Amino acid sequence: MSLLRALRLLLLGETWTLPAGVLAVMLAGVGLRAVAPDLWRDAGGFVLLAGVIAVLAVAVARE
């Protein structure tokens, strides 16, 4: 196993779905906060929770 592959597996795990999904959820949260700060203040946590649950569901379905 090459050093680069070992490092990738150590940092990202076996799949790229979770890190990519978490990044997408975080960027969506930043965008929502910039576009609708009132909505973010009231429902931002629920939006992030829904995004994380969706990412986990997709990751499990792909396995």
C-alpha atoms as a PDB file:
ATOM      1  CA  MET A   1       0.000   0.000   0.000  1.00  0.00           C
ATOM      2  CA  SER A   2       1.422   3.354  -0.939  1.00  0.00           C
ATOM      3  CA  LEU A   3       1.930   6.089   1.594  1.00  0.00           C
ATOM      4  CA  LEU A   4      -0.557   8.375  -0.171  1.00  0.00           C
ATOM      5  CA  ARG A   5      -3.276   5.716  -0.172  1.00  0.00           C
ATOM      6  CA  ALA A   6      -2.643   4.925   3.487  1.00  0.00           C
ATOM      7  CA  LEU A   7      -2.878   8.611   4.352  1.00  0.00           C
ATOM      8  CA  ARG A   8      -6.113   8.992   2.383  1.00  0.00           C
ATOM      9  CA  LEU A   9      -7.654   6.004   4.157  1.00  0.00           C
ATOM     10  CA  LEU A  10      -6.521   7.356   7.513  1.00  0.00           C
ATOM     11  CA  LEU A  11      -8.008  10.814   6.914  1.00  0.00           C
ATOM     12  CA  LEU A  12     -11.100  10.038   4.855  1.00  0.00           C
ATOM     13  CA  GLY A  13     -11.855   6.416   5.576  1.00  0.00           C
ATOM     14  CA  GLU A  14     -12.997   3.952   2.962  1.00  0.00           C
ATOM     15  CA  THR A  15     -15.404   6.290   1.286  1.00  0.00           C
ATOM     16  CA  TRP A  16     -15.444   9.816  -0.025  1.00  0.00           C
ATOM     17  CA  THR A  17     -19.206  10.082   0.436  1.00  0.00           C
ATOM     18  CA  LEU A  18     -19.131  11.197   4.054  1.00  0.00           C
ATOM     19  CA  PRO A  19     -16.435  13.867   3.778  1.00  0.00           C
ATOM     20  CA  ALA A  20     -17.923  15.242   0.562  1.00  0.00           C
ATOM     21  CA  GLY A  21     -21.408  15.205   2.085  1.00  0.00           C
ATOM     22  CA  VAL A  22     -20.296  16.941   5.258  1.00  0.00           C
ATOM     23  CA  LEU A  23     -18.539  19.596   3.181  1.00  0.00           C
ATOM     24  CA  ALA A  24     -21.703  20.101   1.121  1.00  0.00           C
ATOM     25  CA  VAL A  25     -23.842  20.423   4.264  1.00  0.00           C
ATOM     26  CA  MET A  26     -21.415  22.932   5.757  1.00  0.00           C
ATOM     27  CA  LEU A  27     -21.339  25.028   2.576  1.00  0.00           C
ATOM     28  CA  ALA A  28     -25.129  24.936   2.370  1.00  0.00           C
ATOM     29  CA  GLY A  29     -25.295  26.128   5.979  1.00  0.00           C
ATOM     30  CA  VAL A  30     -22.915  29.008   5.282  1.00  0.00           C
ATOM     31  CA  GLY A  31     -24.949  29.937   2.214  1.00  0.00           C
ATOM     32  CA  LEU A  32     -28.241  29.785   4.088  1.00  0.00           C
ATOM     33  CA  ARG A  33     -26.819  31.901   6.875  1.00  0.00           C
ATOM     34  CA  ALA A  34     -25.693  34.541   4.380  1.00  0.00           C
ATOM     35  CA  VAL A  35     -28.945  34.556   2.415  1.00  0.00           C
ATOM     36  CA  ALA A  36     -31.498  34.207   5.224  1.00  0.00           C
ATOM     37  CA  PRO A  37     -30.041  35.051   8.642  1.00  0.00           C
ATOM     38  CA  ASP A  38     -33.435  35.003  10.359  1.00  0.00           C
ATOM     39  CA  LEU A  39     -34.196  31.532   9.051  1.00  0.00           C
ATOM     40  CA  TRP A  40     -30.715  30.405  10.068  1.00  0.00           C
ATOM     41  CA  ARG A  41     -31.216  31.725  13.600  1.00  0.00           C
ATOM     42  CA  ASP A  42     -34.566  29.963  13.936  1.00  0.00           C
ATOM     43  CA  ALA A  43     -33.971  26.693  12.082  1.00  0.00           C
ATOM     44  CA  GLY A  44     -30.255  26.426  11.286  1.00  0.00           C
ATOM     45  CA  GLY A  45     -29.648  23.518  13.624  1.00  0.00           C
ATOM     46  CA  PHE A  46     -32.530  21.549  12.167  1.00  0.00           C
ATOM     47  CA  VAL A  47     -31.289  22.238   8.644  1.00  0.00           C
ATOM     48  CA  LEU A  48     -27.841  20.919   9.559  1.00  0.00           C
ATOM     49  CA  LEU A  49     -29.370  17.896  11.291  1.00  0.00           C
ATOM     50  CA  ALA A  50     -31.466  17.068   8.236  1.00  0.00           C
ATOM     51  CA  GLY A  51     -28.415  17.413   6.008  1.00  0.00           C
ATOM     52  CA  VAL A  52     -26.288  15.130   8.173  1.00  0.00           C
ATOM     53  CA  ILE A  53     -29.047  12.508   8.325  1.00  0.00           C
ATOM     54  CA  ALA A  54     -29.388  12.663   4.540  1.00  0.00           C
ATOM     55  CA  VAL A  55     -25.630  12.261   4.079  1.00  0.00           C
ATOM     56  CA  LEU A  56     -25.546   9.281   6.422  1.00  0.00           C
ATOM     57  CA  ALA A  57     -28.499   7.678   4.639  1.00  0.00           C
ATOM     58  CA  VAL A  58     -26.790   8.063   1.268  1.00  0.00           C
ATOM     59  CA  ALA A  59     -23.499   6.718   2.628  1.00  0.00           C
ATOM     60  CA  VAL A  60     -25.175   3.658   4.122  1.00  0.00           C
ATOM     61  CA  ALA A  61     -27.208   3.020   0.974  1.00  0.00           C
ATOM     62  CA  ARG A  62     -24.041   3.097  -1.156  1.00  0.00           C
ATOM     63  CA  GLU A  63     -22.337   0.477   0.984  1.00  0.00           C
END
